[in-house]
Each structure stands twice: as C-alpha cells, then as structure tokens.
C-alpha cells in the first residue's frame, strides 16, 4: 500500500485503518505536505512540513540571511522527511554537524494513527521524552515524521575553499595530522580520488567573516593548501548514478580504510571518518543492536505495517 496524504489528519486516519487490517505500508509520499509553517528570524527557528525539499527550505530562510546548516547530496529533490529518516550529510559536516544538531522539535504519526509531538519550537526545550533520536536515521520504521522544527544559523559573510595534492596515502596521512594539529578550524575537510588516474586531493573550506577567513587561508597556505578550489568533487561524485556505499570508521583509521578500497573512486570526510565509495563493499555496514531494534519495533509498530530496518 502506498499512502499520499493531503493532510496530517487524513494520514492519521489512513494509518489507523491500515493498522487495524494489518496492511503493509510500502511507501509514504508526503509531497503534498510541503509548507513552511513558521519562520521566526529573530529566534532563528523554522517549522516546516516534512514533504518540503531542503532546497526550498533554504531558499525561504535564505531571504533573511539564514540557513539550515546541512548540505547532503541532491537538495533539490531530497525532502526534510527523507533527511531525518536517513541522516545523510555533506562536506560541511566537519564544521557544521548533521541534522541531529539542528532538530529541536517534531510531529510524527505512529502506526496506529496516533499523532505525537517531541521537543518544541524554541532552542532551549527539555519538556517530555526525547523521542527525536528515535526517528533520526530510523528509516520510517516506527513512525513517519510529518513536521519538524529546526534551529538555524546565519549565512556566513564569506566562504572560501583551497586544496592540496598528495601523491600517496602516506603523504595524505601526514597532511591530515598537520591540519588536525593546526590552529585552523575548517568547515570542510575532504579527501577524494574520483579516478585512478587522479592523485589524492584534499579540500579545505572556511566560512565566517572576511577577516577570519582570510586569516585561516594564510595558515592553510603554510600547510600546502594554496590552490583555489570548490566543492565540484562532491557534485561530480554524486552525479554518477551508480550505487554508492558508505563506510564509517574512526577518523584515525580513515587512511587505512581507504587503502582497503584498492583504488576505487571515493569521496571522504577526512575529519569525520565517513567514506563514500563505488567499489565492492569490503566490510559490512554498522548494524544497530538487534534486540533493542526489535523491542522498539514491537513497541511502536506491533503489527509491523511499516518496513523493517535492514539488518
């Protein structure tokens, strides 16, 4: 069964009916729930329906020089609900974090049609249980987020990118250590190799006032980051329609993990230990605790009408 509700009330009723019949929900299309419900620039918060795309949200809050500080791939087609479900991130993750760092409230509909609320519309809110973490990365297996409230950031005055080339992974490892031990605080710290003919390229990104960015660029140049750059490597990697794998390791183990990929194209968050690649999956993905996952599923979706989390 595919549901495409026009309102939250309609969605709640449809889920209650499906649950009573133990009918499986294959997919939920929230395209009709795509409004900005409330934007309070002075508090730097925004509340939206989950069907709105990230690009549309950024366009709206950008009119007041604000932004939701996440940058996953394909913002023009990726909805807020999908971002909460899968918890994707982009190159600015190193300095800005993930959706978890900005979500302060949500409304969700459970399998039996119950509408629940967690968090609130202000940044400092400690009322009730923190159910938001149950939904972030939950793939819609215990309920469907229909509204979300986020704290925002001011758009930076300046954003600049610089790069450095490395001929070997040993050289790359030393450069990572140099950056981590320096005074610079980049928002982007990427390492990529998009073809075997290319070397290994580091990209640093800085954002803030013009003065602080220029100061950090001087320090970065002393480390070898002298070539002007951009985030074109990110665009090029995700422009390939073939499946990409994600590998998460300790940042200290990232060079070891890349070496194990045996030269396949990759785009890595060198400071976070997240590697996207298109080679053979050399190790199994991290799995959630099996018993806990089952207990949560049985508690919130006892009839298992929503898809199960891949294990």
C-alpha atoms as a PDB file:
ATOM      1  CA  UNK A   1       0.000   0.000   0.000  1.00  0.00           C
ATOM      2  CA  UNK A   2       1.257   3.482  -0.919  1.00  0.00           C
ATOM      3  CA  UNK A   3      -0.120   6.457   1.023  1.00  0.00           C
ATOM      4  CA  UNK A   4      -0.065  10.029  -0.283  1.00  0.00           C
ATOM      5  CA  UNK A   5      -1.942  12.100   2.319  1.00  0.00           C
ATOM      6  CA  UNK A   6      -3.023  15.687   1.754  1.00  0.00           C
ATOM      7  CA  UNK A   7      -3.289  16.466   5.479  1.00  0.00           C
ATOM      8  CA  UNK A   8      -1.941  15.065   8.729  1.00  0.00           C
ATOM      9  CA  UNK A   9      -5.471  14.197   9.855  1.00  0.00           C
ATOM     10  CA  UNK A  10      -6.036  12.227   6.655  1.00  0.00           C
ATOM     11  CA  UNK A  11      -2.729  10.439   7.151  1.00  0.00           C
ATOM     12  CA  UNK A  12      -3.570   9.573  10.754  1.00  0.00           C
ATOM     13  CA  UNK A  13      -6.894   8.078   9.719  1.00  0.00           C
ATOM     14  CA  UNK A  14      -5.357   6.085   6.863  1.00  0.00           C
ATOM     15  CA  UNK A  15      -2.692   4.600   9.140  1.00  0.00           C
ATOM     16  CA  UNK A  16      -5.229   3.680  11.803  1.00  0.00           C
ATOM     17  CA  UNK A  17      -7.267   1.859   9.165  1.00  0.00           C
ATOM     18  CA  UNK A  18      -4.221   0.066   7.726  1.00  0.00           C
ATOM     19  CA  UNK A  19      -3.083  -0.954  11.198  1.00  0.00           C
ATOM     20  CA  UNK A  20      -6.464  -2.402  12.087  1.00  0.00           C
ATOM     21  CA  UNK A  21      -6.267  -4.561   8.947  1.00  0.00           C
ATOM     22  CA  UNK A  22      -2.533  -5.283   9.406  1.00  0.00           C
ATOM     23  CA  UNK A  23      -1.996  -3.959   5.879  1.00  0.00           C
ATOM     24  CA  UNK A  24       1.632  -3.347   4.953  1.00  0.00           C
ATOM     25  CA  UNK A  25       2.696   0.201   4.045  1.00  0.00           C
ATOM     26  CA  UNK A  26       5.206   0.045   1.197  1.00  0.00           C
ATOM     27  CA  UNK A  27       5.830   3.762   0.900  1.00  0.00           C
ATOM     28  CA  UNK A  28       4.556   7.114   2.133  1.00  0.00           C
ATOM     29  CA  UNK A  29       4.582  10.093  -0.241  1.00  0.00           C
ATOM     30  CA  UNK A  30       4.458  13.383   1.682  1.00  0.00           C
ATOM     31  CA  UNK A  31       4.786  15.619  -1.391  1.00  0.00           C
ATOM     32  CA  UNK A  32       1.524  17.412  -0.517  1.00  0.00           C
ATOM     33  CA  UNK A  33       2.828  18.320   2.948  1.00  0.00           C
ATOM     34  CA  UNK A  34       5.427  20.817   1.752  1.00  0.00           C
ATOM     35  CA  UNK A  35       4.783  24.116   3.509  1.00  0.00           C
ATOM     36  CA  UNK A  36       6.905  26.390   5.668  1.00  0.00           C
ATOM     37  CA  UNK A  37       4.623  26.652   8.692  1.00  0.00           C
ATOM     38  CA  UNK A  38       6.529  29.204  10.764  1.00  0.00           C
ATOM     39  CA  UNK A  39       9.800  31.066  10.409  1.00  0.00           C
ATOM     40  CA  UNK A  40      10.899  33.251  13.333  1.00  0.00           C
ATOM     41  CA  UNK A  41      14.075  35.006  12.158  1.00  0.00           C
ATOM     42  CA  UNK A  42      14.689  36.743  15.486  1.00  0.00           C
ATOM     43  CA  UNK A  43      14.759  33.362  17.252  1.00  0.00           C
ATOM     44  CA  UNK A  44      16.491  31.688  14.294  1.00  0.00           C
ATOM     45  CA  UNK A  45      13.995  28.821  14.135  1.00  0.00           C
ATOM     46  CA  UNK A  46      11.806  27.395  11.386  1.00  0.00           C
ATOM     47  CA  UNK A  47       8.976  24.849  11.369  1.00  0.00           C
ATOM     48  CA  UNK A  48       8.192  23.004   8.136  1.00  0.00           C
ATOM     49  CA  UNK A  49       6.185  20.071   6.854  1.00  0.00           C
ATOM     50  CA  UNK A  50       8.287  17.016   6.099  1.00  0.00           C
ATOM     51  CA  UNK A  51       7.499  16.943   2.377  1.00  0.00           C
ATOM     52  CA  UNK A  52       9.330  20.193   1.625  1.00  0.00           C
ATOM     53  CA  UNK A  53      12.682  19.818  -0.126  1.00  0.00           C
ATOM     54  CA  UNK A  54      15.839  21.077   1.527  1.00  0.00           C
ATOM     55  CA  UNK A  55      16.422  23.494  -1.366  1.00  0.00           C
ATOM     56  CA  UNK A  56      13.003  25.096  -0.870  1.00  0.00           C
ATOM     57  CA  UNK A  57      13.576  25.448   2.861  1.00  0.00           C
ATOM     58  CA  UNK A  58      16.995  27.045   2.268  1.00  0.00           C
ATOM     59  CA  UNK A  59      15.509  29.424  -0.301  1.00  0.00           C
ATOM     60  CA  UNK A  60      12.860  30.566   2.181  1.00  0.00           C
ATOM     61  CA  UNK A  61      15.138  31.164   5.182  1.00  0.00           C
ATOM     62  CA  UNK A  62      17.910  32.499   2.941  1.00  0.00           C
ATOM     63  CA  UNK A  63      15.776  35.590   2.316  1.00  0.00           C
ATOM     64  CA  UNK A  64      16.628  36.528   5.909  1.00  0.00           C
ATOM     65  CA  UNK A  65      20.316  35.574   5.573  1.00  0.00           C
ATOM     66  CA  UNK A  66      19.846  32.313   7.471  1.00  0.00           C
ATOM     67  CA  UNK A  67      20.261  28.633   6.611  1.00  0.00           C
ATOM     68  CA  UNK A  68      19.784  25.136   7.953  1.00  0.00           C
ATOM     69  CA  UNK A  69      23.453  24.169   8.234  1.00  0.00           C
ATOM     70  CA  UNK A  70      23.401  20.799   6.461  1.00  0.00           C
ATOM     71  CA  UNK A  71      24.358  20.003   2.867  1.00  0.00           C
ATOM     72  CA  UNK A  72      23.507  16.407   1.862  1.00  0.00           C
ATOM     73  CA  UNK A  73      23.509  15.439  -1.837  1.00  0.00           C
ATOM     74  CA  UNK A  74      20.615  16.361  -4.133  1.00  0.00           C
ATOM     75  CA  UNK A  75      18.941  19.109  -2.026  1.00  0.00           C
ATOM     76  CA  UNK A  76      16.588  19.955  -4.896  1.00  0.00           C
ATOM     77  CA  UNK A  77      14.870  16.567  -4.654  1.00  0.00           C
ATOM     78  CA  UNK A  78      15.596  15.420  -1.097  1.00  0.00           C
ATOM     79  CA  UNK A  79      12.862  16.203   1.414  1.00  0.00           C
ATOM     80  CA  UNK A  80      13.231  17.069   5.071  1.00  0.00           C
ATOM     81  CA  UNK A  81      11.467  13.836   5.963  1.00  0.00           C
ATOM     82  CA  UNK A  82      13.987  11.840   3.937  1.00  0.00           C
ATOM     83  CA  UNK A  83      16.876  13.641   5.611  1.00  0.00           C
ATOM     84  CA  UNK A  84      15.537  12.848   9.078  1.00  0.00           C
ATOM     85  CA  UNK A  85      14.906   9.233   8.073  1.00  0.00           C
ATOM     86  CA  UNK A  86      18.344   8.568   6.573  1.00  0.00           C
ATOM     87  CA  UNK A  87      20.510  11.176   8.356  1.00  0.00           C
ATOM     88  CA  UNK A  88      22.680  11.951   5.274  1.00  0.00           C
ATOM     89  CA  UNK A  89      25.338  14.649   5.389  1.00  0.00           C
ATOM     90  CA  UNK A  90      27.637  16.577   3.078  1.00  0.00           C
ATOM     91  CA  UNK A  91      31.122  18.121   3.058  1.00  0.00           C
ATOM     92  CA  UNK A  92      30.250  20.817   5.601  1.00  0.00           C
ATOM     93  CA  UNK A  93      29.569  18.134   8.197  1.00  0.00           C
ATOM     94  CA  UNK A  94      33.067  18.605   9.648  1.00  0.00           C
ATOM     95  CA  UNK A  95      32.313  22.130  10.819  1.00  0.00           C
ATOM     96  CA  UNK A  96      28.522  22.183  10.933  1.00  0.00           C
ATOM     97  CA  UNK A  97      27.395  18.727  12.052  1.00  0.00           C
ATOM     98  CA  UNK A  98      24.323  16.771  10.944  1.00  0.00           C
ATOM     99  CA  UNK A  99      20.545  17.113  11.109  1.00  0.00           C
ATOM    100  CA  UNK A 100      20.675  15.812  14.699  1.00  0.00           C
ATOM    101  CA  UNK A 101      22.416  19.039  15.756  1.00  0.00           C
ATOM    102  CA  UNK A 102      19.587  21.262  14.482  1.00  0.00           C
ATOM    103  CA  UNK A 103      16.352  19.344  15.052  1.00  0.00           C
ATOM    104  CA  UNK A 104      14.603  20.777  18.135  1.00  0.00           C
ATOM    105  CA  UNK A 105      11.057  19.507  17.656  1.00  0.00           C
ATOM    106  CA  UNK A 106       8.966  17.194  15.530  1.00  0.00           C
ATOM    107  CA  UNK A 107       5.490  15.819  14.943  1.00  0.00           C
ATOM    108  CA  UNK A 108       5.127  12.209  13.838  1.00  0.00           C
ATOM    109  CA  UNK A 109       2.328   9.739  13.168  1.00  0.00           C
ATOM    110  CA  UNK A 110       2.676   6.248  14.589  1.00  0.00           C
ATOM    111  CA  UNK A 111       1.459   3.009  13.045  1.00  0.00           C
ATOM    112  CA  UNK A 112      -1.897   3.115  14.855  1.00  0.00           C
ATOM    113  CA  UNK A 113      -2.568   6.671  13.695  1.00  0.00           C
ATOM    114  CA  UNK A 114      -1.539   8.344  16.946  1.00  0.00           C
ATOM    115  CA  UNK A 115      -0.053  11.808  16.412  1.00  0.00           C
ATOM    116  CA  UNK A 116       2.851  12.517  18.752  1.00  0.00           C
ATOM    117  CA  UNK A 117       4.992  15.577  19.438  1.00  0.00           C
ATOM    118  CA  UNK A 118       8.563  15.734  20.745  1.00  0.00           C
ATOM    119  CA  UNK A 119      10.640  18.784  21.595  1.00  0.00           C
ATOM    120  CA  UNK A 120       9.256  22.217  20.811  1.00  0.00           C
ATOM    121  CA  UNK A 121       9.702  25.421  18.847  1.00  0.00           C
ATOM    122  CA  UNK A 122      12.378  27.027  20.992  1.00  0.00           C
ATOM    123  CA  UNK A 123      16.040  26.098  21.194  1.00  0.00           C
ATOM    124  CA  UNK A 124      16.093  25.504  24.962  1.00  0.00           C
ATOM    125  CA  UNK A 125      13.386  22.904  25.473  1.00  0.00           C
ATOM    126  CA  UNK A 126      13.588  19.948  27.875  1.00  0.00           C
ATOM    127  CA  UNK A 127       9.927  19.013  28.175  1.00  0.00           C
ATOM    128  CA  UNK A 128       8.992  15.335  27.846  1.00  0.00           C
ATOM    129  CA  UNK A 129      10.923  12.378  26.461  1.00  0.00           C
ATOM    130  CA  UNK A 130      13.444  12.994  23.693  1.00  0.00           C
ATOM    131  CA  UNK A 131      11.785  10.862  21.023  1.00  0.00           C
ATOM    132  CA  UNK A 132      13.531  12.758  18.234  1.00  0.00           C
ATOM    133  CA  UNK A 133      16.565  10.459  18.361  1.00  0.00           C
ATOM    134  CA  UNK A 134      14.236   7.532  17.720  1.00  0.00           C
ATOM    135  CA  UNK A 135      13.319   8.978  14.324  1.00  0.00           C
ATOM    136  CA  UNK A 136      16.682  10.358  13.164  1.00  0.00           C
ATOM    137  CA  UNK A 137      18.119   7.670  10.917  1.00  0.00           C
ATOM    138  CA  UNK A 138      15.171   5.398  11.704  1.00  0.00           C
ATOM    139  CA  UNK A 139      14.155   4.981   8.038  1.00  0.00           C
ATOM    140  CA  UNK A 140      10.484   5.465   8.937  1.00  0.00           C
ATOM    141  CA  UNK A 141      10.282   2.050  10.585  1.00  0.00           C
ATOM    142  CA  UNK A 142       8.469   3.093  13.789  1.00  0.00           C
ATOM    143  CA  UNK A 143       6.554   6.144  12.570  1.00  0.00           C
ATOM    144  CA  UNK A 144       6.508   8.906   9.989  1.00  0.00           C
ATOM    145  CA  UNK A 145       7.714  12.439  10.713  1.00  0.00           C
ATOM    146  CA  UNK A 146       5.256  14.968   9.261  1.00  0.00           C
ATOM    147  CA  UNK A 147       6.526  18.253  10.739  1.00  0.00           C
ATOM    148  CA  UNK A 148       9.906  19.380  12.051  1.00  0.00           C
ATOM    149  CA  UNK A 149      11.335  22.442  13.803  1.00  0.00           C
ATOM    150  CA  UNK A 150      14.983  23.431  13.385  1.00  0.00           C
ATOM    151  CA  UNK A 151      17.363  25.980  14.782  1.00  0.00           C
ATOM    152  CA  UNK A 152      19.114  27.959  12.046  1.00  0.00           C
ATOM    153  CA  UNK A 153      22.464  29.646  11.550  1.00  0.00           C
ATOM    154  CA  UNK A 154      23.329  32.992   9.975  1.00  0.00           C
ATOM    155  CA  UNK A 155      24.671  32.701   6.448  1.00  0.00           C
ATOM    156  CA  UNK A 156      28.432  33.357   6.564  1.00  0.00           C
ATOM    157  CA  UNK A 157      29.742  36.584   5.077  1.00  0.00           C
ATOM    158  CA  UNK A 158      32.419  34.680   3.130  1.00  0.00           C
ATOM    159  CA  UNK A 159      33.071  31.070   2.188  1.00  0.00           C
ATOM    160  CA  UNK A 160      36.334  30.002   0.529  1.00  0.00           C
ATOM    161  CA  UNK A 161      37.872  26.679  -0.491  1.00  0.00           C
ATOM    162  CA  UNK A 162      41.506  25.679  -1.081  1.00  0.00           C
ATOM    163  CA  UNK A 163      43.120  22.362  -1.988  1.00  0.00           C
ATOM    164  CA  UNK A 164      46.360  20.415  -1.789  1.00  0.00           C
ATOM    165  CA  UNK A 165      47.528  17.372  -3.763  1.00  0.00           C
ATOM    166  CA  UNK A 166      49.123  14.233  -2.327  1.00  0.00           C
ATOM    167  CA  UNK A 167      50.899  11.573  -4.356  1.00  0.00           C
ATOM    168  CA  UNK A 168      50.441   8.812  -1.790  1.00  0.00           C
ATOM    169  CA  UNK A 169      48.245   7.841   1.123  1.00  0.00           C
ATOM    170  CA  UNK A 170      51.258   8.092   3.415  1.00  0.00           C
ATOM    171  CA  UNK A 171      51.631  11.725   2.411  1.00  0.00           C
ATOM    172  CA  UNK A 172      47.887  12.219   2.875  1.00  0.00           C
ATOM    173  CA  UNK A 173      48.066  10.754   6.369  1.00  0.00           C
ATOM    174  CA  UNK A 174      50.757  13.244   7.357  1.00  0.00           C
ATOM    175  CA  UNK A 175      48.734  16.138   5.966  1.00  0.00           C
ATOM    176  CA  UNK A 176      45.660  15.088   7.954  1.00  0.00           C
ATOM    177  CA  UNK A 177      47.753  15.141  11.112  1.00  0.00           C
ATOM    178  CA  UNK A 178      49.144  18.579  10.234  1.00  0.00           C
ATOM    179  CA  UNK A 179      45.661  20.023   9.758  1.00  0.00           C
ATOM    180  CA  UNK A 180      44.303  18.478  12.954  1.00  0.00           C
ATOM    181  CA  UNK A 181      47.190  19.861  14.984  1.00  0.00           C
ATOM    182  CA  UNK A 182      46.987  23.367  13.481  1.00  0.00           C
ATOM    183  CA  UNK A 183      45.014  26.404  14.610  1.00  0.00           C
ATOM    184  CA  UNK A 184      42.680  26.369  11.613  1.00  0.00           C
ATOM    185  CA  UNK A 185      39.014  25.406  12.036  1.00  0.00           C
ATOM    186  CA  UNK A 186      37.682  24.433   8.592  1.00  0.00           C
ATOM    187  CA  UNK A 187      34.034  23.632   7.986  1.00  0.00           C
ATOM    188  CA  UNK A 188      35.082  21.302   5.128  1.00  0.00           C
ATOM    189  CA  UNK A 189      37.917  18.774   5.380  1.00  0.00           C
ATOM    190  CA  UNK A 190      37.555  16.372   2.435  1.00  0.00           C
ATOM    191  CA  UNK A 191      39.858  13.889   0.755  1.00  0.00           C
ATOM    192  CA  UNK A 192      38.891  12.462  -2.619  1.00  0.00           C
ATOM    193  CA  UNK A 193      40.081  10.480  -5.608  1.00  0.00           C
ATOM    194  CA  UNK A 194      37.473  10.327  -8.355  1.00  0.00           C
ATOM    195  CA  UNK A 195      39.502   8.160 -10.750  1.00  0.00           C
ATOM    196  CA  UNK A 196      42.624   6.016 -10.606  1.00  0.00           C
ATOM    197  CA  UNK A 197      44.359   8.495 -12.910  1.00  0.00           C
ATOM    198  CA  UNK A 198      43.975  11.233 -10.294  1.00  0.00           C
ATOM    199  CA  UNK A 199      46.096  11.763  -7.226  1.00  0.00           C
ATOM    200  CA  UNK A 200      44.656  12.263  -3.776  1.00  0.00           C
ATOM    201  CA  UNK A 201      43.175  15.718  -3.305  1.00  0.00           C
ATOM    202  CA  UNK A 202      42.390  17.461  -0.031  1.00  0.00           C
ATOM    203  CA  UNK A 203      39.854  20.279   0.060  1.00  0.00           C
ATOM    204  CA  UNK A 204      39.545  22.664   2.991  1.00  0.00           C
ATOM    205  CA  UNK A 205      36.637  25.071   3.349  1.00  0.00           C
ATOM    206  CA  UNK A 206      36.420  28.126   5.587  1.00  0.00           C
ATOM    207  CA  UNK A 207      33.400  30.270   6.399  1.00  0.00           C
ATOM    208  CA  UNK A 208      32.700  33.305   8.565  1.00  0.00           C
ATOM    209  CA  UNK A 209      33.647  36.946   8.473  1.00  0.00           C
ATOM    210  CA  UNK A 210      36.026  38.077   5.755  1.00  0.00           C
ATOM    211  CA  UNK A 211      38.777  38.796   8.282  1.00  0.00           C
ATOM    212  CA  UNK A 212      38.702  35.393   9.965  1.00  0.00           C
ATOM    213  CA  UNK A 213      38.523  33.531   6.661  1.00  0.00           C
ATOM    214  CA  UNK A 214      41.496  35.430   5.231  1.00  0.00           C
ATOM    215  CA  UNK A 215      43.482  34.705   8.405  1.00  0.00           C
ATOM    216  CA  UNK A 216      42.767  30.994   8.159  1.00  0.00           C
ATOM    217  CA  UNK A 217      43.670  30.910   4.466  1.00  0.00           C
ATOM    218  CA  UNK A 218      47.125  32.262   5.346  1.00  0.00           C
ATOM    219  CA  UNK A 219      47.605  29.474   7.889  1.00  0.00           C
ATOM    220  CA  UNK A 220      46.279  26.859   5.449  1.00  0.00           C
ATOM    221  CA  UNK A 221      48.735  28.019   2.780  1.00  0.00           C
ATOM    222  CA  UNK A 222      51.610  27.299   5.169  1.00  0.00           C
ATOM    223  CA  UNK A 223      50.381  23.686   5.288  1.00  0.00           C
ATOM    224  CA  UNK A 224      50.368  23.442   1.491  1.00  0.00           C
ATOM    225  CA  UNK A 225      46.756  24.407   0.702  1.00  0.00           C
ATOM    226  CA  UNK A 226      47.494  27.041  -1.918  1.00  0.00           C
ATOM    227  CA  UNK A 227      45.255  26.178  -4.875  1.00  0.00           C
ATOM    228  CA  UNK A 228      41.778  27.784  -5.078  1.00  0.00           C
ATOM    229  CA  UNK A 229      39.109  25.087  -5.012  1.00  0.00           C
ATOM    230  CA  UNK A 230      35.392  24.412  -4.803  1.00  0.00           C
ATOM    231  CA  UNK A 231      33.029  21.571  -3.958  1.00  0.00           C
ATOM    232  CA  UNK A 232      32.951  20.335  -7.564  1.00  0.00           C
ATOM    233  CA  UNK A 233      34.342  16.994  -6.412  1.00  0.00           C
ATOM    234  CA  UNK A 234      31.179  16.452  -4.355  1.00  0.00           C
ATOM    235  CA  UNK A 235      28.939  17.319  -7.292  1.00  0.00           C
ATOM    236  CA  UNK A 236      30.917  15.039  -9.617  1.00  0.00           C
ATOM    237  CA  UNK A 237      30.811  12.087  -7.223  1.00  0.00           C
ATOM    238  CA  UNK A 238      27.024  12.211  -6.781  1.00  0.00           C
ATOM    239  CA  UNK A 239      26.374  12.919 -10.462  1.00  0.00           C
ATOM    240  CA  UNK A 240      27.277   9.273 -11.091  1.00  0.00           C
ATOM    241  CA  UNK A 241      24.009   7.327 -10.922  1.00  0.00           C
ATOM    242  CA  UNK A 242      25.651   4.032  -9.974  1.00  0.00           C
ATOM    243  CA  UNK A 243      25.170   2.867  -6.363  1.00  0.00           C
ATOM    244  CA  UNK A 244      27.472   4.330  -3.732  1.00  0.00           C
ATOM    245  CA  UNK A 245      28.465   2.653  -0.484  1.00  0.00           C
ATOM    246  CA  UNK A 246      29.047   4.398   2.818  1.00  0.00           C
ATOM    247  CA  UNK A 247      31.750   3.352   5.245  1.00  0.00           C
ATOM    248  CA  UNK A 248      32.175   4.887   8.713  1.00  0.00           C
ATOM    249  CA  UNK A 249      35.396   4.472  10.671  1.00  0.00           C
ATOM    250  CA  UNK A 250      37.285   6.304  13.374  1.00  0.00           C
ATOM    251  CA  UNK A 251      38.928   9.409  11.848  1.00  0.00           C
ATOM    252  CA  UNK A 252      42.296   7.974  12.886  1.00  0.00           C
ATOM    253  CA  UNK A 253      41.574   4.888  10.747  1.00  0.00           C
ATOM    254  CA  UNK A 254      40.448   6.658   7.581  1.00  0.00           C
ATOM    255  CA  UNK A 255      43.675   6.190   5.594  1.00  0.00           C
ATOM    256  CA  UNK A 256      43.745   2.501   6.493  1.00  0.00           C
ATOM    257  CA  UNK A 257      40.143   2.154   5.314  1.00  0.00           C
ATOM    258  CA  UNK A 258      40.838   3.990   2.042  1.00  0.00           C
ATOM    259  CA  UNK A 259      43.827   1.759   1.414  1.00  0.00           C
ATOM    260  CA  UNK A 260      41.481  -1.217   1.702  1.00  0.00           C
ATOM    261  CA  UNK A 261      39.301   0.167  -1.103  1.00  0.00           C
ATOM    262  CA  UNK A 262      42.046  -0.700  -3.590  1.00  0.00           C
ATOM    263  CA  UNK A 263      41.890   2.425  -5.731  1.00  0.00           C
ATOM    264  CA  UNK A 264      38.140   2.739  -6.355  1.00  0.00           C
ATOM    265  CA  UNK A 265      36.604   6.246  -6.622  1.00  0.00           C
ATOM    266  CA  UNK A 266      35.873   7.746  -3.210  1.00  0.00           C
ATOM    267  CA  UNK A 267      34.808  10.971  -1.545  1.00  0.00           C
ATOM    268  CA  UNK A 268      35.753  11.058   2.144  1.00  0.00           C
ATOM    269  CA  UNK A 269      35.162  13.325   5.120  1.00  0.00           C
ATOM    270  CA  UNK A 270      38.738  13.179   6.372  1.00  0.00           C
ATOM    271  CA  UNK A 271      37.890  14.769   9.707  1.00  0.00           C
ATOM    272  CA  UNK A 272      34.831  12.626  10.422  1.00  0.00           C
ATOM    273  CA  UNK A 273      35.794   9.177   9.148  1.00  0.00           C
ATOM    274  CA  UNK A 274      32.924   8.917   6.654  1.00  0.00           C
ATOM    275  CA  UNK A 275      33.833   7.477   3.241  1.00  0.00           C
ATOM    276  CA  UNK A 276      31.539   7.289   0.212  1.00  0.00           C
ATOM    277  CA  UNK A 277      32.838   4.953  -2.493  1.00  0.00           C
ATOM    278  CA  UNK A 278      31.740   2.935  -5.524  1.00  0.00           C
ATOM    279  CA  UNK A 279      33.817  -0.177  -5.110  1.00  0.00           C
ATOM    280  CA  UNK A 280      32.954  -3.548  -3.646  1.00  0.00           C
ATOM    281  CA  UNK A 281      31.705  -3.281  -0.087  1.00  0.00           C
ATOM    282  CA  UNK A 282      34.751  -4.570   1.763  1.00  0.00           C
ATOM    283  CA  UNK A 283      33.116  -4.789   5.179  1.00  0.00           C
ATOM    284  CA  UNK A 284      29.587  -4.973   6.451  1.00  0.00           C
ATOM    285  CA  UNK A 285      27.838  -1.759   7.365  1.00  0.00           C
ATOM    286  CA  UNK A 286      27.466  -0.938  11.037  1.00  0.00           C
ATOM    287  CA  UNK A 287      24.314  -2.584  12.325  1.00  0.00           C
ATOM    288  CA  UNK A 288      22.002  -1.408  15.102  1.00  0.00           C
ATOM    289  CA  UNK A 289      21.664  -3.546  18.253  1.00  0.00           C
ATOM    290  CA  UNK A 290      19.356  -6.357  17.121  1.00  0.00           C
ATOM    291  CA  UNK A 291      17.439  -6.936  20.355  1.00  0.00           C
ATOM    292  CA  UNK A 292      16.890  -3.225  21.025  1.00  0.00           C
ATOM    293  CA  UNK A 293      15.745  -2.669  17.443  1.00  0.00           C
ATOM    294  CA  UNK A 294      13.217  -5.473  17.732  1.00  0.00           C
ATOM    295  CA  UNK A 295      11.870  -4.163  21.034  1.00  0.00           C
ATOM    296  CA  UNK A 296      11.395  -0.665  19.618  1.00  0.00           C
ATOM    297  CA  UNK A 297       9.685  -2.059  16.528  1.00  0.00           C
ATOM    298  CA  UNK A 298       7.331  -4.213  18.588  1.00  0.00           C
ATOM    299  CA  UNK A 299       6.509  -1.300  20.897  1.00  0.00           C
ATOM    300  CA  UNK A 300       5.749   1.311  18.242  1.00  0.00           C
ATOM    301  CA  UNK A 301       4.645  -0.866  15.334  1.00  0.00           C
ATOM    302  CA  UNK A 302       3.435  -4.196  16.794  1.00  0.00           C
ATOM    303  CA  UNK A 303       1.701  -5.225  13.564  1.00  0.00           C
ATOM    304  CA  UNK A 304       4.819  -4.340  11.532  1.00  0.00           C
ATOM    305  CA  UNK A 305       2.911  -2.362   8.921  1.00  0.00           C
ATOM    306  CA  UNK A 306       5.971  -0.151   8.313  1.00  0.00           C
ATOM    307  CA  UNK A 307       9.104  -1.603   6.654  1.00  0.00           C
ATOM    308  CA  UNK A 308      11.627  -3.214   8.974  1.00  0.00           C
ATOM    309  CA  UNK A 309      15.042  -1.624   9.390  1.00  0.00           C
ATOM    310  CA  UNK A 310      17.585  -3.512   7.231  1.00  0.00           C
ATOM    311  CA  UNK A 311      19.769  -5.641   9.496  1.00  0.00           C
END
